[in-house]
C-alpha cells in the first residue's frame, strides 16, 4: 500500500487504514489489494461522478458481468480512495 500512479497519471493514496475501513463494510473485498491496485493502474474505463466533479470512478471487469469500482476523490491533482464496491453490469 502507499501511493499509486493511476492510469491517468495521478498519484492516489491507498492506505491500510482506508482499506480496513472499506473491507469492514464490504468483506467481499478483503484480500483483494492487488485487484484494487490493478483497477487504478489498468482500468477498463474511468467516469466522473455525476454528484461530485472531483470524484473519479475507476472500473475494472472482474467476472462475466461484475466490475470492481474504486471511487477516488481528487484534490490538487492528488487523489485518495473514498469508496469501492463490486457492481453488476447488464449493458445499456
C-alpha atoms as a PDB file:
ATOM      1  CA  UNK A   1       0.000   0.000   0.000  1.00  0.00           C
ATOM      2  CA  UNK A   2       1.041   3.589  -0.360  1.00  0.00           C
ATOM      3  CA  UNK A   3       0.877   5.920  -3.332  1.00  0.00           C
ATOM      4  CA  UNK A   4      -0.235   4.508  -6.674  1.00  0.00           C
ATOM      5  CA  UNK A   5       0.141   6.196 -10.063  1.00  0.00           C
ATOM      6  CA  UNK A   6      -3.191   5.649 -11.794  1.00  0.00           C
ATOM      7  CA  UNK A   7      -3.837   5.163 -15.495  1.00  0.00           C
ATOM      8  CA  UNK A   8      -4.408   8.949 -15.797  1.00  0.00           C
ATOM      9  CA  UNK A   9      -1.007   9.715 -14.246  1.00  0.00           C
ATOM     10  CA  UNK A  10      -2.426  10.985 -10.945  1.00  0.00           C
ATOM     11  CA  UNK A  11      -0.949   9.964  -7.595  1.00  0.00           C
ATOM     12  CA  UNK A  12      -3.527   8.169  -5.424  1.00  0.00           C
ATOM     13  CA  UNK A  13      -3.060   7.335  -1.749  1.00  0.00           C
ATOM     14  CA  UNK A  14      -4.011   3.796  -0.754  1.00  0.00           C
ATOM     15  CA  UNK A  15      -3.608   3.366   2.992  1.00  0.00           C
ATOM     16  CA  UNK A  16      -4.076   0.302   5.164  1.00  0.00           C
ATOM     17  CA  UNK A  17      -6.435   2.304   7.382  1.00  0.00           C
ATOM     18  CA  UNK A  18      -8.706   3.134   4.428  1.00  0.00           C
ATOM     19  CA  UNK A  19      -8.565  -0.442   3.162  1.00  0.00           C
ATOM     20  CA  UNK A  20      -9.646  -1.806   6.566  1.00  0.00           C
ATOM     21  CA  UNK A  21     -12.438   0.775   6.796  1.00  0.00           C
ATOM     22  CA  UNK A  22     -13.810  -0.264   3.399  1.00  0.00           C
ATOM     23  CA  UNK A  23     -13.474  -4.018   3.930  1.00  0.00           C
ATOM     24  CA  UNK A  24     -15.485  -3.779   7.148  1.00  0.00           C
ATOM     25  CA  UNK A  25     -18.433  -2.593   5.051  1.00  0.00           C
ATOM     26  CA  UNK A  26     -17.537  -4.773   2.040  1.00  0.00           C
ATOM     27  CA  UNK A  27     -15.974  -8.022   3.309  1.00  0.00           C
ATOM     28  CA  UNK A  28     -16.020  -9.423  -0.247  1.00  0.00           C
ATOM     29  CA  UNK A  29     -13.079  -7.073  -0.963  1.00  0.00           C
ATOM     30  CA  UNK A  30     -10.890  -8.461   1.822  1.00  0.00           C
ATOM     31  CA  UNK A  31      -7.687  -9.883   0.338  1.00  0.00           C
ATOM     32  CA  UNK A  32      -8.203  -8.056  -2.963  1.00  0.00           C
ATOM     33  CA  UNK A  33      -5.484  -5.406  -2.602  1.00  0.00           C
ATOM     34  CA  UNK A  34      -3.841  -6.337  -5.916  1.00  0.00           C
ATOM     35  CA  UNK A  35      -7.174  -6.192  -7.768  1.00  0.00           C
ATOM     36  CA  UNK A  36      -7.788  -2.755  -6.307  1.00  0.00           C
ATOM     37  CA  UNK A  37      -4.354  -1.575  -7.452  1.00  0.00           C
ATOM     38  CA  UNK A  38      -4.946  -3.109 -10.900  1.00  0.00           C
ATOM     39  CA  UNK A  39      -8.280  -1.290 -11.118  1.00  0.00           C
ATOM     40  CA  UNK A  40      -6.437   2.010 -10.707  1.00  0.00           C
ATOM     41  CA  UNK A  41      -3.420   1.229 -12.904  1.00  0.00           C
ATOM     42  CA  UNK A  42      -5.033  -0.856 -15.655  1.00  0.00           C
ATOM     43  CA  UNK A  43      -8.658   0.266 -15.611  1.00  0.00           C
ATOM     44  CA  UNK A  44     -11.276  -0.623 -18.217  1.00  0.00           C
ATOM     45  CA  UNK A  45     -12.774   2.856 -18.034  1.00  0.00           C
ATOM     46  CA  UNK A  46     -12.903   5.937 -15.814  1.00  0.00           C
ATOM     47  CA  UNK A  47     -16.015   8.011 -15.241  1.00  0.00           C
ATOM     48  CA  UNK A  48     -16.519  11.340 -13.486  1.00  0.00           C
ATOM     49  CA  UNK A  49     -19.098  11.162 -10.702  1.00  0.00           C
ATOM     50  CA  UNK A  50     -22.397  12.838 -11.519  1.00  0.00           C
ATOM     51  CA  UNK A  51     -22.547  14.057  -7.901  1.00  0.00           C
ATOM     52  CA  UNK A  52     -19.042  15.493  -7.497  1.00  0.00           C
ATOM     53  CA  UNK A  53     -16.780  16.572 -10.371  1.00  0.00           C
ATOM     54  CA  UNK A  54     -13.746  15.919  -8.132  1.00  0.00           C
ATOM     55  CA  UNK A  55     -14.577  12.214  -7.798  1.00  0.00           C
ATOM     56  CA  UNK A  56     -13.476   9.722 -10.444  1.00  0.00           C
ATOM     57  CA  UNK A  57     -14.855   6.189 -10.666  1.00  0.00           C
ATOM     58  CA  UNK A  58     -12.390   3.556 -11.921  1.00  0.00           C
ATOM     59  CA  UNK A  59     -13.974   0.375 -13.322  1.00  0.00           C
ATOM     60  CA  UNK A  60     -12.281  -2.996 -13.857  1.00  0.00           C
ATOM     61  CA  UNK A  61     -14.086  -6.102 -15.105  1.00  0.00           C
ATOM     62  CA  UNK A  62     -13.653  -8.917 -12.564  1.00  0.00           C
ATOM     63  CA  UNK A  63     -16.060 -11.509 -13.904  1.00  0.00           C
ATOM     64  CA  UNK A  64     -18.519 -12.033 -16.721  1.00  0.00           C
ATOM     65  CA  UNK A  65     -20.631  -9.032 -15.679  1.00  0.00           C
ATOM     66  CA  UNK A  66     -19.028  -7.790 -12.435  1.00  0.00           C
ATOM     67  CA  UNK A  67     -16.945  -4.662 -12.136  1.00  0.00           C
ATOM     68  CA  UNK A  68     -14.788  -3.576  -9.250  1.00  0.00           C
ATOM     69  CA  UNK A  69     -15.392   0.155  -8.860  1.00  0.00           C
ATOM     70  CA  UNK A  70     -12.946   2.337  -6.955  1.00  0.00           C
ATOM     71  CA  UNK A  71     -14.044   5.905  -6.158  1.00  0.00           C
ATOM     72  CA  UNK A  72     -11.227   8.425  -5.845  1.00  0.00           C
ATOM     73  CA  UNK A  73     -11.541  11.995  -4.576  1.00  0.00           C
ATOM     74  CA  UNK A  74      -9.086  14.407  -6.237  1.00  0.00           C
ATOM     75  CA  UNK A  75      -7.659  17.454  -4.511  1.00  0.00           C
ATOM     76  CA  UNK A  76      -4.864  19.438  -6.190  1.00  0.00           C
ATOM     77  CA  UNK A  77      -4.183  16.600  -8.662  1.00  0.00           C
ATOM     78  CA  UNK A  78      -3.627  14.115  -5.805  1.00  0.00           C
ATOM     79  CA  UNK A  79      -6.263  11.510  -5.033  1.00  0.00           C
ATOM     80  CA  UNK A  80      -7.366   9.302  -2.204  1.00  0.00           C
ATOM     81  CA  UNK A  81      -9.713   6.338  -2.221  1.00  0.00           C
ATOM     82  CA  UNK A  82     -13.082   7.128  -0.663  1.00  0.00           C
ATOM     83  CA  UNK A  83     -15.069   4.000  -1.557  1.00  0.00           C
ATOM     84  CA  UNK A  84     -15.070   0.756  -3.502  1.00  0.00           C
ATOM     85  CA  UNK A  85     -17.654  -1.794  -4.427  1.00  0.00           C
ATOM     86  CA  UNK A  86     -18.437  -4.637  -6.812  1.00  0.00           C
ATOM     87  CA  UNK A  87     -21.288  -3.868  -9.199  1.00  0.00           C
ATOM     88  CA  UNK A  88     -23.075  -5.877 -11.858  1.00  0.00           C
ATOM     89  CA  UNK A  89     -23.345  -4.516 -15.378  1.00  0.00           C
ATOM     90  CA  UNK A  90     -26.004  -5.717 -17.770  1.00  0.00           C
ATOM     91  CA  UNK A  91     -25.426  -3.265 -20.628  1.00  0.00           C
ATOM     92  CA  UNK A  92     -27.300  -0.190 -21.709  1.00  0.00           C
END
